[in-house]
């Protein structure tokens, strides 16, 4: 096995020369860019917006974000509050889901 330096750390290559480790994870994250995501937070709020960025501390940046408050009534979701650009600290993230309709839409380049 050989190691090769990359911009953001080390990538380990197997005998066939395929990258594993950080470069595979980075590729998966890059495929999620500009996809609609739903992030549940520790205080019960849910943010929905376009995935724009993350960092090593798992902080997430969402564009065109909307905030949904945790309702006391299980049947009503309530009106969303438009936030625009939002940064969610990684230690407040409970779960992240990719909206299924954003996976089906083709990427415009």
C-alpha atoms as a PDB file:
ATOM      1  CA  UNK A   1       0.000   0.000   0.000  1.00  0.00           C
ATOM      2  CA  UNK A   2       1.218   3.433  -0.861  1.00  0.00           C
ATOM      3  CA  UNK A   3       0.246   6.744   0.696  1.00  0.00           C
ATOM      4  CA  UNK A   4      -0.260   9.893  -1.338  1.00  0.00           C
ATOM      5  CA  UNK A   5      -0.613  13.447   0.000  1.00  0.00           C
ATOM      6  CA  UNK A   6      -3.780  15.311  -0.917  1.00  0.00           C
ATOM      7  CA  UNK A   7      -4.992  18.815  -0.206  1.00  0.00           C
ATOM      8  CA  UNK A   8      -6.899  17.812   2.949  1.00  0.00           C
ATOM      9  CA  UNK A   9      -4.749  15.064   4.414  1.00  0.00           C
ATOM     10  CA  UNK A  10      -3.703  11.573   3.438  1.00  0.00           C
ATOM     11  CA  UNK A  11      -5.372   9.232   0.979  1.00  0.00           C
ATOM     12  CA  UNK A  12      -4.514   5.552   1.052  1.00  0.00           C
ATOM     13  CA  UNK A  13      -4.469   3.751  -2.294  1.00  0.00           C
ATOM     14  CA  UNK A  14      -4.877   0.007  -2.667  1.00  0.00           C
ATOM     15  CA  UNK A  15      -3.132  -2.242  -5.207  1.00  0.00           C
ATOM     16  CA  UNK A  16      -5.514  -1.173  -8.010  1.00  0.00           C
ATOM     17  CA  UNK A  17      -4.752   2.493  -7.326  1.00  0.00           C
ATOM     18  CA  UNK A  18      -8.276   3.256  -6.078  1.00  0.00           C
ATOM     19  CA  UNK A  19      -8.532   5.831  -3.339  1.00  0.00           C
ATOM     20  CA  UNK A  20     -10.098   5.026  -0.002  1.00  0.00           C
ATOM     21  CA  UNK A  21     -10.466   6.898   3.270  1.00  0.00           C
ATOM     22  CA  UNK A  22     -10.738  10.685   3.196  1.00  0.00           C
ATOM     23  CA  UNK A  23     -11.007  11.030  -0.584  1.00  0.00           C
ATOM     24  CA  UNK A  24     -13.994   8.631  -0.730  1.00  0.00           C
ATOM     25  CA  UNK A  25     -15.722  10.486   2.110  1.00  0.00           C
ATOM     26  CA  UNK A  26     -14.975  13.795   0.423  1.00  0.00           C
ATOM     27  CA  UNK A  27     -16.451  12.523  -2.843  1.00  0.00           C
ATOM     28  CA  UNK A  28     -19.650  11.462  -1.050  1.00  0.00           C
ATOM     29  CA  UNK A  29     -19.943  14.887   0.572  1.00  0.00           C
ATOM     30  CA  UNK A  30     -19.347  16.630  -2.760  1.00  0.00           C
ATOM     31  CA  UNK A  31     -22.224  14.606  -4.256  1.00  0.00           C
ATOM     32  CA  UNK A  32     -24.506  16.044  -1.565  1.00  0.00           C
ATOM     33  CA  UNK A  33     -23.668  19.682  -2.317  1.00  0.00           C
ATOM     34  CA  UNK A  34     -26.735  21.781  -3.177  1.00  0.00           C
ATOM     35  CA  UNK A  35     -29.091  18.976  -2.140  1.00  0.00           C
ATOM     36  CA  UNK A  36     -31.996  19.738   0.160  1.00  0.00           C
ATOM     37  CA  UNK A  37     -31.356  18.494   3.708  1.00  0.00           C
ATOM     38  CA  UNK A  38     -33.395  18.233   6.891  1.00  0.00           C
ATOM     39  CA  UNK A  39     -31.366  18.698  10.089  1.00  0.00           C
ATOM     40  CA  UNK A  40     -32.872  17.944  13.497  1.00  0.00           C
ATOM     41  CA  UNK A  41     -31.265  19.767  16.405  1.00  0.00           C
ATOM     42  CA  UNK A  42     -30.900  19.026  20.124  1.00  0.00           C
ATOM     43  CA  UNK A  43     -33.423  21.734  21.097  1.00  0.00           C
ATOM     44  CA  UNK A  44     -36.161  20.168  18.938  1.00  0.00           C
ATOM     45  CA  UNK A  45     -35.952  22.558  16.009  1.00  0.00           C
ATOM     46  CA  UNK A  46     -35.691  21.278  12.437  1.00  0.00           C
ATOM     47  CA  UNK A  47     -33.900  23.199   9.695  1.00  0.00           C
ATOM     48  CA  UNK A  48     -34.472  22.494   6.008  1.00  0.00           C
ATOM     49  CA  UNK A  49     -32.204  23.995   3.363  1.00  0.00           C
ATOM     50  CA  UNK A  50     -29.553  23.421   0.713  1.00  0.00           C
ATOM     51  CA  UNK A  51     -26.335  21.791   1.907  1.00  0.00           C
ATOM     52  CA  UNK A  52     -23.519  24.222   1.114  1.00  0.00           C
ATOM     53  CA  UNK A  53     -20.618  23.386   3.394  1.00  0.00           C
ATOM     54  CA  UNK A  54     -19.295  21.443   6.380  1.00  0.00           C
ATOM     55  CA  UNK A  55     -16.027  21.338   8.294  1.00  0.00           C
ATOM     56  CA  UNK A  56     -13.970  19.026  10.504  1.00  0.00           C
ATOM     57  CA  UNK A  57     -16.100  19.902  13.542  1.00  0.00           C
ATOM     58  CA  UNK A  58     -19.276  18.773  11.717  1.00  0.00           C
ATOM     59  CA  UNK A  59     -20.637  22.322  11.572  1.00  0.00           C
ATOM     60  CA  UNK A  60     -23.057  22.592   8.650  1.00  0.00           C
ATOM     61  CA  UNK A  61     -23.955  25.578   6.459  1.00  0.00           C
ATOM     62  CA  UNK A  62     -27.430  25.540   4.877  1.00  0.00           C
ATOM     63  CA  UNK A  63     -28.592  28.002   2.226  1.00  0.00           C
ATOM     64  CA  UNK A  64     -32.216  29.121   1.817  1.00  0.00           C
ATOM     65  CA  UNK A  65     -32.878  27.591   5.231  1.00  0.00           C
ATOM     66  CA  UNK A  66     -36.255  27.412   6.925  1.00  0.00           C
ATOM     67  CA  UNK A  67     -36.754  26.696  10.615  1.00  0.00           C
ATOM     68  CA  UNK A  68     -39.571  24.513  11.920  1.00  0.00           C
ATOM     69  CA  UNK A  69     -40.221  24.631  15.647  1.00  0.00           C
ATOM     70  CA  UNK A  70     -41.057  21.508  17.624  1.00  0.00           C
ATOM     71  CA  UNK A  71     -44.792  21.732  18.109  1.00  0.00           C
ATOM     72  CA  UNK A  72     -46.606  20.579  21.224  1.00  0.00           C
ATOM     73  CA  UNK A  73     -49.409  19.266  19.006  1.00  0.00           C
ATOM     74  CA  UNK A  74     -48.171  16.191  17.123  1.00  0.00           C
ATOM     75  CA  UNK A  75     -50.531  16.860  14.204  1.00  0.00           C
ATOM     76  CA  UNK A  76     -49.544  20.437  13.359  1.00  0.00           C
ATOM     77  CA  UNK A  77     -46.158  21.284  11.897  1.00  0.00           C
ATOM     78  CA  UNK A  78     -46.583  25.076  12.136  1.00  0.00           C
ATOM     79  CA  UNK A  79     -45.419  27.855   9.858  1.00  0.00           C
ATOM     80  CA  UNK A  80     -41.745  27.819   8.902  1.00  0.00           C
ATOM     81  CA  UNK A  81     -39.523  30.783   9.691  1.00  0.00           C
ATOM     82  CA  UNK A  82     -37.269  31.822   6.801  1.00  0.00           C
ATOM     83  CA  UNK A  83     -33.645  32.098   7.938  1.00  0.00           C
ATOM     84  CA  UNK A  84     -31.724  32.300   4.675  1.00  0.00           C
ATOM     85  CA  UNK A  85     -28.094  31.317   5.280  1.00  0.00           C
ATOM     86  CA  UNK A  86     -27.711  29.336   8.513  1.00  0.00           C
ATOM     87  CA  UNK A  87     -24.796  27.745  10.359  1.00  0.00           C
ATOM     88  CA  UNK A  88     -25.618  24.771  12.573  1.00  0.00           C
ATOM     89  CA  UNK A  89     -22.948  23.880  15.142  1.00  0.00           C
ATOM     90  CA  UNK A  90     -22.014  20.212  14.890  1.00  0.00           C
ATOM     91  CA  UNK A  91     -22.626  19.533  18.587  1.00  0.00           C
ATOM     92  CA  UNK A  92     -26.304  20.560  18.126  1.00  0.00           C
ATOM     93  CA  UNK A  93     -26.973  18.167  15.221  1.00  0.00           C
ATOM     94  CA  UNK A  94     -29.076  15.130  16.144  1.00  0.00           C
ATOM     95  CA  UNK A  95     -29.774  13.803  12.632  1.00  0.00           C
ATOM     96  CA  UNK A  96     -29.345  14.771   8.998  1.00  0.00           C
ATOM     97  CA  UNK A  97     -31.601  13.520   6.204  1.00  0.00           C
ATOM     98  CA  UNK A  98     -31.346  14.199   2.495  1.00  0.00           C
ATOM     99  CA  UNK A  99     -34.730  15.120   1.038  1.00  0.00           C
ATOM    100  CA  UNK A 100     -35.677  12.401  -1.458  1.00  0.00           C
ATOM    101  CA  UNK A 101     -36.905  14.839  -4.127  1.00  0.00           C
ATOM    102  CA  UNK A 102     -33.489  16.542  -4.260  1.00  0.00           C
ATOM    103  CA  UNK A 103     -31.810  13.202  -5.039  1.00  0.00           C
ATOM    104  CA  UNK A 104     -34.033  12.647  -8.069  1.00  0.00           C
ATOM    105  CA  UNK A 105     -33.471  16.045  -9.679  1.00  0.00           C
ATOM    106  CA  UNK A 106     -30.626  16.239 -12.212  1.00  0.00           C
ATOM    107  CA  UNK A 107     -27.627  18.454 -11.501  1.00  0.00           C
ATOM    108  CA  UNK A 108     -27.382  21.551 -13.659  1.00  0.00           C
ATOM    109  CA  UNK A 109     -23.784  22.461 -14.436  1.00  0.00           C
END
